[in-house]
Amino acid sequence: MGEYKIRDLEQLTGIKAHTIRIWEQRYNLLEPSRSNTSIRYYSDEELAFILKVALLNKNGVKISRIAEMSSDEINSKIETLNKSSNTQDHYFEVLLLALVQMDERLFSETLNELISEFGLFHTFDKFLLTFLDKIGVMWVVGSINPAQEHFVTHLIRQKIIVETDKLSITESDDVYFIYLPENEWHELGVLFYNYVLRNQGKKTIYLGQSLPLDSLFQCIKKYQPSVLVTSVVTAMDDKSIVTYFSKIKNEFPDILIYAGGYKLIHTDSNLDLYVTKIKDSTSFDLMINKKTKN
């Protein structure tokens, strides 16, 4: 499915390209294909294998020993490591391995282990955001197939919803609307914001993806939320983003707007007239706490 250049392997595994070439030549660990211009490229299976090699090597197994091991031995050793190691790099590499192999069991078990040990907030903030940023870069340059990104996004989305369902629903006059603007579909951020708010005892109404502006206005007039929480990743250019939020504030000057997402965070400073930017999960959590105390 995927075709990875050696620099992709270097970025994803943390193993230098020079070292990978030595492993190929000295131990015959990999046999990459070559393009018409003799550029090496690697398959999903080869990336998965080098991730396993990297995991073992970083945990003290010599490369000469790994070269002698069968596939079953390698897999057995990886399973043992997964039960004993809890470093950030280890978790990242296991999640990436599950992504490449589309291994739902491995991904779900690893995610469950992280949530059990650190809670959903710190799992998302300290592990998943870094993981998603890395695979997002690989998706943009064409190294990761969109199907692989969709696979892992679905599993994370599902887990956030399950954890949110465990929280009680608060009744309050202080209502938060959570939604995505029209043509925006990247939902993980706002699902997580919804979880953070519910976890702090806030009343939220989740309005979902791609909500037309006129529908948003109708809902605001009817339910009178005090806060809007949203995200922009891809849907609008800088000028359109500023125009969009200025329309909301002109219509509802007293409403508070929190907004995150890669595209919005990098939009020009005029946006600060209309929204409070969510730069990361921790700052959002602190902003909500501060609003509550005020």
C-alpha atoms as a PDB file:
ATOM      1  CA  MET A   1       0.000   0.000   0.000  1.00  0.00           C
ATOM      2  CA  GLY A   2       2.726   2.461   1.019  1.00  0.00           C
ATOM      3  CA  GLU A   3       5.987   3.335  -0.683  1.00  0.00           C
ATOM      4  CA  TYR A   4       8.542   4.779   1.710  1.00  0.00           C
ATOM      5  CA  LYS A   5      11.855   6.390   0.840  1.00  0.00           C
ATOM      6  CA  ILE A   6      14.795   5.818   3.146  1.00  0.00           C
ATOM      7  CA  ARG A   7      14.368   9.306   4.641  1.00  0.00           C
ATOM      8  CA  ASP A   8      10.808   8.295   5.608  1.00  0.00           C
ATOM      9  CA  LEU A   9      12.187   5.275   7.469  1.00  0.00           C
ATOM     10  CA  GLU A  10      14.715   7.528   9.165  1.00  0.00           C
ATOM     11  CA  GLN A  11      12.027   9.969  10.311  1.00  0.00           C
ATOM     12  CA  LEU A  12       9.564   7.311  11.423  1.00  0.00           C
ATOM     13  CA  THR A  13      11.978   4.947  13.191  1.00  0.00           C
ATOM     14  CA  GLY A  14      14.669   7.315  14.446  1.00  0.00           C
ATOM     15  CA  ILE A  15      17.312   5.114  12.772  1.00  0.00           C
ATOM     16  CA  LYS A  16      19.754   7.048  10.575  1.00  0.00           C
ATOM     17  CA  ALA A  17      19.621   6.300   6.846  1.00  0.00           C
ATOM     18  CA  HIS A  18      23.345   5.465   6.931  1.00  0.00           C
ATOM     19  CA  THR A  19      22.700   2.862   9.644  1.00  0.00           C
ATOM     20  CA  ILE A  20      19.803   1.332   7.708  1.00  0.00           C
ATOM     21  CA  ARG A  21      22.053   0.962   4.646  1.00  0.00           C
ATOM     22  CA  ILE A  22      24.718  -0.762   6.755  1.00  0.00           C
ATOM     23  CA  TRP A  23      22.106  -3.156   8.146  1.00  0.00           C
ATOM     24  CA  GLU A  24      21.013  -3.951   4.595  1.00  0.00           C
ATOM     25  CA  GLN A  25      24.530  -4.593   3.361  1.00  0.00           C
ATOM     26  CA  ARG A  26      25.988  -6.382   6.385  1.00  0.00           C
ATOM     27  CA  TYR A  27      23.003  -8.360   7.664  1.00  0.00           C
ATOM     28  CA  ASN A  28      20.636  -8.520   4.659  1.00  0.00           C
ATOM     29  CA  LEU A  29      17.817  -7.280   6.870  1.00  0.00           C
ATOM     30  CA  LEU A  30      16.008  -5.535   4.005  1.00  0.00           C
ATOM     31  CA  GLU A  31      15.891  -5.791   0.242  1.00  0.00           C
ATOM     32  CA  PRO A  32      14.352  -2.513  -0.936  1.00  0.00           C
ATOM     33  CA  SER A  33      12.917  -2.117  -4.391  1.00  0.00           C
ATOM     34  CA  ARG A  34      14.315   0.538  -6.690  1.00  0.00           C
ATOM     35  CA  SER A  35      12.681   3.077  -8.954  1.00  0.00           C
ATOM     36  CA  ASN A  36      13.662   3.611 -12.584  1.00  0.00           C
ATOM     37  CA  THR A  37      16.197   6.149 -11.327  1.00  0.00           C
ATOM     38  CA  SER A  38      17.630   3.661  -8.775  1.00  0.00           C
ATOM     39  CA  ILE A  39      16.088   5.357  -5.724  1.00  0.00           C
ATOM     40  CA  ARG A  40      15.392   2.918  -2.879  1.00  0.00           C
ATOM     41  CA  TYR A  41      11.824   2.544  -1.698  1.00  0.00           C
ATOM     42  CA  TYR A  42      10.268   0.290   0.903  1.00  0.00           C
ATOM     43  CA  SER A  43       6.885  -1.415   1.330  1.00  0.00           C
ATOM     44  CA  ASP A  44       4.540  -1.397   4.333  1.00  0.00           C
ATOM     45  CA  GLU A  45       5.896  -4.820   5.288  1.00  0.00           C
ATOM     46  CA  GLU A  46       9.487  -3.566   5.200  1.00  0.00           C
ATOM     47  CA  LEU A  47       8.616  -0.486   7.249  1.00  0.00           C
ATOM     48  CA  ALA A  48       6.843  -2.694   9.800  1.00  0.00           C
ATOM     49  CA  PHE A  49       9.904  -4.944   9.956  1.00  0.00           C
ATOM     50  CA  ILE A  50      12.369  -2.086  10.452  1.00  0.00           C
ATOM     51  CA  LEU A  51      10.129  -0.675  13.201  1.00  0.00           C
ATOM     52  CA  LYS A  52      10.366  -4.025  14.983  1.00  0.00           C
ATOM     53  CA  VAL A  53      14.135  -4.084  14.489  1.00  0.00           C
ATOM     54  CA  ALA A  54      14.383  -0.535  15.881  1.00  0.00           C
ATOM     55  CA  LEU A  55      12.268  -1.464  18.927  1.00  0.00           C
ATOM     56  CA  LEU A  56      14.453  -4.457  19.733  1.00  0.00           C
ATOM     57  CA  ASN A  57      17.717  -2.657  19.069  1.00  0.00           C
ATOM     58  CA  LYS A  58      16.761   0.319  21.270  1.00  0.00           C
ATOM     59  CA  ASN A  59      15.958  -2.158  24.037  1.00  0.00           C
ATOM     60  CA  GLY A  60      19.401  -3.726  23.997  1.00  0.00           C
ATOM     61  CA  VAL A  61      19.120  -6.538  21.442  1.00  0.00           C
ATOM     62  CA  LYS A  62      22.187  -6.523  19.190  1.00  0.00           C
ATOM     63  CA  ILE A  63      21.546  -6.160  15.476  1.00  0.00           C
ATOM     64  CA  SER A  64      23.578  -9.311  14.777  1.00  0.00           C
ATOM     65  CA  ARG A  65      21.236 -11.261  17.048  1.00  0.00           C
ATOM     66  CA  ILE A  66      18.124  -9.759  15.447  1.00  0.00           C
ATOM     67  CA  ALA A  67      19.418 -10.807  12.017  1.00  0.00           C
ATOM     68  CA  GLU A  68      19.458 -14.424  13.219  1.00  0.00           C
ATOM     69  CA  MET A  69      15.943 -14.373  14.678  1.00  0.00           C
ATOM     70  CA  SER A  70      12.898 -15.801  12.915  1.00  0.00           C
ATOM     71  CA  SER A  71       9.745 -13.737  12.406  1.00  0.00           C
ATOM     72  CA  ASP A  72       8.043 -15.623  15.241  1.00  0.00           C
ATOM     73  CA  GLU A  73      10.970 -14.932  17.587  1.00  0.00           C
ATOM     74  CA  ILE A  74      10.926 -11.231  16.718  1.00  0.00           C
ATOM     75  CA  ASN A  75       7.174 -10.985  17.263  1.00  0.00           C
ATOM     76  CA  SER A  76       7.417 -12.841  20.580  1.00  0.00           C
ATOM     77  CA  LYS A  77      10.184 -10.540  21.782  1.00  0.00           C
ATOM     78  CA  ILE A  78       8.193  -7.454  20.722  1.00  0.00           C
ATOM     79  CA  GLU A  79       5.173  -8.701  22.677  1.00  0.00           C
ATOM     80  CA  THR A  80       7.322  -9.131  25.780  1.00  0.00           C
ATOM     81  CA  LEU A  81       8.735  -5.614  25.371  1.00  0.00           C
ATOM     82  CA  ASN A  82       5.263  -4.138  25.013  1.00  0.00           C
ATOM     83  CA  LYS A  83       4.390  -5.475  28.453  1.00  0.00           C
ATOM     84  CA  SER A  84       7.482  -4.071  30.138  1.00  0.00           C
ATOM     85  CA  SER A  85       8.369  -0.778  28.426  1.00  0.00           C
ATOM     86  CA  ASN A  86       6.480   2.472  29.019  1.00  0.00           C
ATOM     87  CA  THR A  87       8.614   5.194  27.414  1.00  0.00           C
ATOM     88  CA  GLN A  88       7.079   7.751  25.073  1.00  0.00           C
ATOM     89  CA  ASP A  89       9.292   6.647  22.169  1.00  0.00           C
ATOM     90  CA  HIS A  90       8.297   3.024  22.689  1.00  0.00           C
ATOM     91  CA  TYR A  91       4.583   3.806  22.682  1.00  0.00           C
ATOM     92  CA  PHE A  92       4.976   5.953  19.578  1.00  0.00           C
ATOM     93  CA  GLU A  93       6.784   3.191  17.694  1.00  0.00           C
ATOM     94  CA  VAL A  94       4.189   0.576  18.684  1.00  0.00           C
ATOM     95  CA  LEU A  95       1.332   2.842  17.577  1.00  0.00           C
ATOM     96  CA  LEU A  96       3.114   3.464  14.281  1.00  0.00           C
ATOM     97  CA  LEU A  97       3.667  -0.256  13.798  1.00  0.00           C
ATOM     98  CA  ALA A  98      -0.055  -0.843  14.377  1.00  0.00           C
ATOM     99  CA  LEU A  99      -0.843   1.897  11.832  1.00  0.00           C
ATOM    100  CA  VAL A 100       1.394   0.432   9.135  1.00  0.00           C
ATOM    101  CA  GLN A 101       0.038  -3.075   9.662  1.00  0.00           C
ATOM    102  CA  MET A 102      -3.533  -1.841  10.203  1.00  0.00           C
ATOM    103  CA  ASP A 103      -3.497  -3.944  13.355  1.00  0.00           C
ATOM    104  CA  GLU A 104      -6.592  -2.884  15.285  1.00  0.00           C
ATOM    105  CA  ARG A 105      -5.880  -5.185  18.224  1.00  0.00           C
ATOM    106  CA  LEU A 106      -2.343  -3.827  18.751  1.00  0.00           C
ATOM    107  CA  PHE A 107      -3.437  -0.202  18.356  1.00  0.00           C
ATOM    108  CA  SER A 108      -6.439  -0.567  20.688  1.00  0.00           C
ATOM    109  CA  GLU A 109      -4.501  -2.472  23.340  1.00  0.00           C
ATOM    110  CA  THR A 110      -1.708   0.116  23.314  1.00  0.00           C
ATOM    111  CA  LEU A 111      -4.193   2.999  23.476  1.00  0.00           C
ATOM    112  CA  ASN A 112      -6.076   1.324  26.325  1.00  0.00           C
ATOM    113  CA  GLU A 113      -2.802   0.827  28.199  1.00  0.00           C
ATOM    114  CA  LEU A 114      -1.910   4.499  27.790  1.00  0.00           C
ATOM    115  CA  ILE A 115      -5.338   5.675  28.961  1.00  0.00           C
ATOM    116  CA  SER A 116      -5.269   3.284  31.916  1.00  0.00           C
ATOM    117  CA  GLU A 117      -1.864   4.578  33.032  1.00  0.00           C
ATOM    118  CA  PHE A 118      -2.082   8.279  32.164  1.00  0.00           C
ATOM    119  CA  GLY A 119      -5.786   9.065  31.613  1.00  0.00           C
ATOM    120  CA  LEU A 120      -7.297  10.299  28.344  1.00  0.00           C
ATOM    121  CA  PHE A 121      -6.187  13.918  28.777  1.00  0.00           C
ATOM    122  CA  HIS A 122      -2.470  13.162  29.161  1.00  0.00           C
ATOM    123  CA  THR A 123      -2.613  10.350  26.598  1.00  0.00           C
ATOM    124  CA  PHE A 124      -3.978  12.757  24.000  1.00  0.00           C
ATOM    125  CA  ASP A 125      -1.784  15.680  25.051  1.00  0.00           C
ATOM    126  CA  LYS A 126       1.544  13.866  25.517  1.00  0.00           C
ATOM    127  CA  PHE A 127       1.306  10.939  23.095  1.00  0.00           C
ATOM    128  CA  LEU A 128      -1.409  11.166  20.465  1.00  0.00           C
ATOM    129  CA  LEU A 129      -0.855  14.764  19.363  1.00  0.00           C
ATOM    130  CA  THR A 130       2.808  14.029  18.594  1.00  0.00           C
ATOM    131  CA  PHE A 131       1.835  10.808  16.866  1.00  0.00           C
ATOM    132  CA  LEU A 132      -0.859  12.497  14.763  1.00  0.00           C
ATOM    133  CA  ASP A 133       1.470  15.359  13.826  1.00  0.00           C
ATOM    134  CA  LYS A 134       4.079  12.910  12.528  1.00  0.00           C
ATOM    135  CA  ILE A 135       1.697  10.814  10.480  1.00  0.00           C
ATOM    136  CA  GLY A 136       0.058  14.022   9.217  1.00  0.00           C
ATOM    137  CA  VAL A 137       3.393  15.120   7.762  1.00  0.00           C
ATOM    138  CA  MET A 138       3.893  11.698   6.181  1.00  0.00           C
ATOM    139  CA  TRP A 139       0.379  11.819   4.720  1.00  0.00           C
ATOM    140  CA  VAL A 140       1.009  15.257   3.180  1.00  0.00           C
ATOM    141  CA  VAL A 141       4.208  14.119   1.437  1.00  0.00           C
ATOM    142  CA  GLY A 142       2.482  10.976   0.197  1.00  0.00           C
ATOM    143  CA  SER A 143       4.335   8.403   2.275  1.00  0.00           C
ATOM    144  CA  ILE A 144       1.262   7.223   4.187  1.00  0.00           C
ATOM    145  CA  ASN A 145      -1.882   6.153   2.396  1.00  0.00           C
ATOM    146  CA  PRO A 146      -5.044   8.093   3.375  1.00  0.00           C
ATOM    147  CA  ALA A 147      -6.659   4.753   4.259  1.00  0.00           C
ATOM    148  CA  GLN A 148      -4.040   4.228   6.959  1.00  0.00           C
ATOM    149  CA  GLU A 149      -4.686   7.673   8.419  1.00  0.00           C
ATOM    150  CA  HIS A 150      -8.457   7.051   8.340  1.00  0.00           C
ATOM    151  CA  PHE A 151      -7.962   3.692  10.056  1.00  0.00           C
ATOM    152  CA  VAL A 152      -6.104   5.134  13.026  1.00  0.00           C
ATOM    153  CA  THR A 153      -8.232   8.305  13.231  1.00  0.00           C
ATOM    154  CA  HIS A 154     -11.376   6.162  13.496  1.00  0.00           C
ATOM    155  CA  LEU A 155      -9.917   4.169  16.395  1.00  0.00           C
ATOM    156  CA  ILE A 156      -8.866   7.307  18.298  1.00  0.00           C
ATOM    157  CA  ARG A 157     -12.239   8.951  17.606  1.00  0.00           C
ATOM    158  CA  GLN A 158     -14.034   5.872  18.908  1.00  0.00           C
ATOM    159  CA  LYS A 159     -11.974   5.831  22.099  1.00  0.00           C
ATOM    160  CA  ILE A 160     -12.594   9.542  22.845  1.00  0.00           C
ATOM    161  CA  ILE A 161     -16.349   9.008  22.425  1.00  0.00           C
ATOM    162  CA  VAL A 162     -16.287   5.969  24.744  1.00  0.00           C
ATOM    163  CA  GLU A 163     -14.379   7.891  27.427  1.00  0.00           C
ATOM    164  CA  THR A 164     -16.725  10.894  27.071  1.00  0.00           C
ATOM    165  CA  ASP A 165     -19.770   8.637  27.490  1.00  0.00           C
ATOM    166  CA  LYS A 166     -18.436   7.607  30.898  1.00  0.00           C
ATOM    167  CA  LEU A 167     -18.784  11.183  32.163  1.00  0.00           C
ATOM    168  CA  SER A 168     -21.968  12.529  33.693  1.00  0.00           C
ATOM    169  CA  ILE A 169     -24.070  15.108  31.839  1.00  0.00           C
ATOM    170  CA  THR A 170     -24.213  18.408  33.701  1.00  0.00           C
ATOM    171  CA  GLU A 171     -27.267  20.653  33.771  1.00  0.00           C
ATOM    172  CA  SER A 172     -26.325  24.332  33.709  1.00  0.00           C
ATOM    173  CA  ASP A 173     -27.289  27.674  32.183  1.00  0.00           C
ATOM    174  CA  ASP A 174     -23.646  28.069  31.134  1.00  0.00           C
ATOM    175  CA  VAL A 175     -23.724  26.170  27.823  1.00  0.00           C
ATOM    176  CA  TYR A 176     -20.817  25.380  25.499  1.00  0.00           C
ATOM    177  CA  PHE A 177     -21.441  24.670  21.809  1.00  0.00           C
ATOM    178  CA  ILE A 178     -18.881  22.342  20.211  1.00  0.00           C
ATOM    179  CA  TYR A 179     -18.851  22.165  16.401  1.00  0.00           C
ATOM    180  CA  LEU A 180     -16.867  22.376  13.151  1.00  0.00           C
ATOM    181  CA  PRO A 181     -17.487  25.071  10.487  1.00  0.00           C
ATOM    182  CA  GLU A 182     -18.946  24.150   7.121  1.00  0.00           C
ATOM    183  CA  ASN A 183     -16.642  21.915   5.010  1.00  0.00           C
ATOM    184  CA  GLU A 184     -14.452  21.114   8.011  1.00  0.00           C
ATOM    185  CA  TRP A 185     -14.358  17.385   8.812  1.00  0.00           C
ATOM    186  CA  HIS A 186     -11.301  16.876  11.050  1.00  0.00           C
ATOM    187  CA  GLU A 187     -13.162  15.981  14.209  1.00  0.00           C
ATOM    188  CA  LEU A 188     -10.595  14.636  16.695  1.00  0.00           C
ATOM    189  CA  GLY A 189      -9.748  18.047  18.136  1.00  0.00           C
ATOM    190  CA  VAL A 190     -13.306  19.105  18.920  1.00  0.00           C
ATOM    191  CA  LEU A 191     -14.201  15.650  20.244  1.00  0.00           C
ATOM    192  CA  PHE A 192     -11.318  16.012  22.657  1.00  0.00           C
ATOM    193  CA  TYR A 193     -12.367  19.562  23.611  1.00  0.00           C
ATOM    194  CA  ASN A 194     -15.818  18.162  24.359  1.00  0.00           C
ATOM    195  CA  TYR A 195     -14.250  15.538  26.624  1.00  0.00           C
ATOM    196  CA  VAL A 196     -12.154  18.162  28.465  1.00  0.00           C
ATOM    197  CA  LEU A 197     -15.226  20.339  29.081  1.00  0.00           C
ATOM    198  CA  ARG A 198     -17.411  17.429  30.215  1.00  0.00           C
ATOM    199  CA  ASN A 199     -14.605  16.256  32.486  1.00  0.00           C
ATOM    200  CA  GLN A 200     -14.629  19.699  34.129  1.00  0.00           C
ATOM    201  CA  GLY A 201     -18.383  19.457  34.714  1.00  0.00           C
ATOM    202  CA  LYS A 202     -19.447  21.797  31.898  1.00  0.00           C
ATOM    203  CA  LYS A 203     -22.672  21.470  29.956  1.00  0.00           C
ATOM    204  CA  THR A 204     -21.830  20.910  26.295  1.00  0.00           C
ATOM    205  CA  ILE A 205     -23.930  20.516  23.176  1.00  0.00           C
ATOM    206  CA  TYR A 206     -22.001  18.775  20.415  1.00  0.00           C
ATOM    207  CA  LEU A 207     -23.182  19.921  16.966  1.00  0.00           C
ATOM    208  CA  GLY A 208     -20.774  17.882  14.851  1.00  0.00           C
ATOM    209  CA  GLN A 209     -18.926  18.422  11.591  1.00  0.00           C
ATOM    210  CA  SER A 210     -19.484  20.883   8.744  1.00  0.00           C
ATOM    211  CA  LEU A 211     -22.165  23.041  10.397  1.00  0.00           C
ATOM    212  CA  PRO A 212     -23.487  25.819   8.095  1.00  0.00           C
ATOM    213  CA  LEU A 213     -23.192  29.315   9.562  1.00  0.00           C
ATOM    214  CA  ASP A 214     -26.933  30.044   9.319  1.00  0.00           C
ATOM    215  CA  SER A 215     -27.686  26.829  11.250  1.00  0.00           C
ATOM    216  CA  LEU A 216     -25.184  27.853  13.911  1.00  0.00           C
ATOM    217  CA  PHE A 217     -26.861  31.258  14.227  1.00  0.00           C
ATOM    218  CA  GLN A 218     -30.287  29.624  14.618  1.00  0.00           C
ATOM    219  CA  CYS A 219     -28.974  27.359  17.375  1.00  0.00           C
ATOM    220  CA  ILE A 220     -27.296  30.259  19.198  1.00  0.00           C
ATOM    221  CA  LYS A 221     -30.518  32.299  19.147  1.00  0.00           C
ATOM    222  CA  LYS A 222     -32.545  29.362  20.450  1.00  0.00           C
ATOM    223  CA  TYR A 223     -30.219  27.890  23.112  1.00  0.00           C
ATOM    224  CA  GLN A 224     -28.090  30.959  23.969  1.00  0.00           C
ATOM    225  CA  PRO A 225     -24.716  29.352  24.693  1.00  0.00           C
ATOM    226  CA  SER A 226     -22.112  31.438  26.478  1.00  0.00           C
ATOM    227  CA  VAL A 227     -19.170  29.844  24.629  1.00  0.00           C
ATOM    228  CA  LEU A 228     -18.415  28.414  21.180  1.00  0.00           C
ATOM    229  CA  VAL A 229     -15.596  25.887  20.804  1.00  0.00           C
ATOM    230  CA  THR A 230     -14.410  24.980  17.316  1.00  0.00           C
ATOM    231  CA  SER A 231     -11.409  24.088  15.145  1.00  0.00           C
ATOM    232  CA  VAL A 232     -10.134  24.846  11.639  1.00  0.00           C
ATOM    233  CA  VAL A 233      -7.614  22.477  10.056  1.00  0.00           C
ATOM    234  CA  THR A 234      -8.145  22.746   6.300  1.00  0.00           C
ATOM    235  CA  ALA A 235     -11.450  24.327   5.310  1.00  0.00           C
ATOM    236  CA  MET A 236     -10.603  28.052   4.940  1.00  0.00           C
ATOM    237  CA  ASP A 237      -7.810  30.413   3.949  1.00  0.00           C
ATOM    238  CA  ASP A 238      -6.611  33.109   6.374  1.00  0.00           C
ATOM    239  CA  LYS A 239      -8.902  35.859   5.086  1.00  0.00           C
ATOM    240  CA  SER A 240     -11.959  33.589   5.155  1.00  0.00           C
ATOM    241  CA  ILE A 241     -11.184  32.512   8.720  1.00  0.00           C
ATOM    242  CA  VAL A 242     -11.064  36.120   9.967  1.00  0.00           C
ATOM    243  CA  THR A 243     -14.246  36.989   8.032  1.00  0.00           C
ATOM    244  CA  TYR A 244     -16.045  33.930   9.410  1.00  0.00           C
ATOM    245  CA  PHE A 245     -15.370  34.705  13.063  1.00  0.00           C
ATOM    246  CA  SER A 246     -15.975  38.436  12.638  1.00  0.00           C
ATOM    247  CA  LYS A 247     -19.501  37.616  11.372  1.00  0.00           C
ATOM    248  CA  ILE A 248     -20.178  35.571  14.509  1.00  0.00           C
ATOM    249  CA  LYS A 249     -18.909  38.288  16.855  1.00  0.00           C
ATOM    250  CA  ASN A 250     -20.772  41.037  15.014  1.00  0.00           C
ATOM    251  CA  GLU A 251     -24.004  39.069  15.368  1.00  0.00           C
ATOM    252  CA  PHE A 252     -23.343  37.900  18.944  1.00  0.00           C
ATOM    253  CA  PRO A 253     -20.837  40.324  20.529  1.00  0.00           C
ATOM    254  CA  ASP A 254     -21.082  38.815  24.036  1.00  0.00           C
ATOM    255  CA  ILE A 255     -20.316  35.244  23.048  1.00  0.00           C
ATOM    256  CA  LEU A 256     -16.877  33.852  23.861  1.00  0.00           C
ATOM    257  CA  ILE A 257     -15.152  31.842  21.110  1.00  0.00           C
ATOM    258  CA  TYR A 258     -12.364  29.312  21.684  1.00  0.00           C
ATOM    259  CA  ALA A 259     -10.849  27.974  18.478  1.00  0.00           C
ATOM    260  CA  GLY A 260      -7.980  25.619  17.681  1.00  0.00           C
ATOM    261  CA  GLY A 261      -6.603  23.617  14.775  1.00  0.00           C
ATOM    262  CA  TYR A 262      -3.403  23.911  12.753  1.00  0.00           C
ATOM    263  CA  LYS A 263      -4.793  26.308  10.143  1.00  0.00           C
ATOM    264  CA  LEU A 264      -6.322  28.657  12.691  1.00  0.00           C
ATOM    265  CA  ILE A 265      -3.302  28.767  15.017  1.00  0.00           C
ATOM    266  CA  HIS A 266      -1.161  29.998  12.115  1.00  0.00           C
ATOM    267  CA  THR A 267      -3.654  32.637  10.943  1.00  0.00           C
ATOM    268  CA  ASP A 268      -2.734  36.312  11.236  1.00  0.00           C
ATOM    269  CA  SER A 269      -3.127  38.263  14.477  1.00  0.00           C
ATOM    270  CA  ASN A 270      -6.340  40.058  13.406  1.00  0.00           C
ATOM    271  CA  LEU A 271      -8.103  36.878  14.423  1.00  0.00           C
ATOM    272  CA  ASP A 272      -7.292  37.670  18.057  1.00  0.00           C
ATOM    273  CA  LEU A 273      -9.960  40.383  17.918  1.00  0.00           C
ATOM    274  CA  TYR A 274     -12.616  37.681  17.652  1.00  0.00           C
ATOM    275  CA  VAL A 275     -11.369  34.422  19.176  1.00  0.00           C
ATOM    276  CA  THR A 276      -9.179  33.017  21.922  1.00  0.00           C
ATOM    277  CA  LYS A 277      -6.825  30.570  20.241  1.00  0.00           C
ATOM    278  CA  ILE A 278      -6.426  27.065  21.647  1.00  0.00           C
ATOM    279  CA  LYS A 279      -2.704  26.507  21.204  1.00  0.00           C
ATOM    280  CA  ASP A 280      -2.579  23.122  22.942  1.00  0.00           C
ATOM    281  CA  SER A 281      -4.594  20.864  25.233  1.00  0.00           C
ATOM    282  CA  THR A 282      -2.997  22.102  28.448  1.00  0.00           C
ATOM    283  CA  SER A 283      -3.645  25.765  27.674  1.00  0.00           C
ATOM    284  CA  PHE A 284      -7.280  24.971  26.838  1.00  0.00           C
ATOM    285  CA  ASP A 285      -7.716  23.150  30.151  1.00  0.00           C
ATOM    286  CA  LEU A 286      -6.228  26.148  31.985  1.00  0.00           C
ATOM    287  CA  MET A 287      -8.425  28.625  30.063  1.00  0.00           C
ATOM    288  CA  ILE A 288     -11.565  26.758  31.079  1.00  0.00           C
ATOM    289  CA  ASN A 289     -10.431  26.654  34.706  1.00  0.00           C
ATOM    290  CA  LYS A 290      -9.741  30.391  34.634  1.00  0.00           C
ATOM    291  CA  LYS A 291     -13.151  31.150  33.119  1.00  0.00           C
ATOM    292  CA  THR A 292     -14.825  29.047  35.838  1.00  0.00           C
ATOM    293  CA  LYS A 293     -13.031  30.932  38.632  1.00  0.00           C
ATOM    294  CA  ASN A 294     -13.965  34.282  37.099  1.00  0.00           C
END
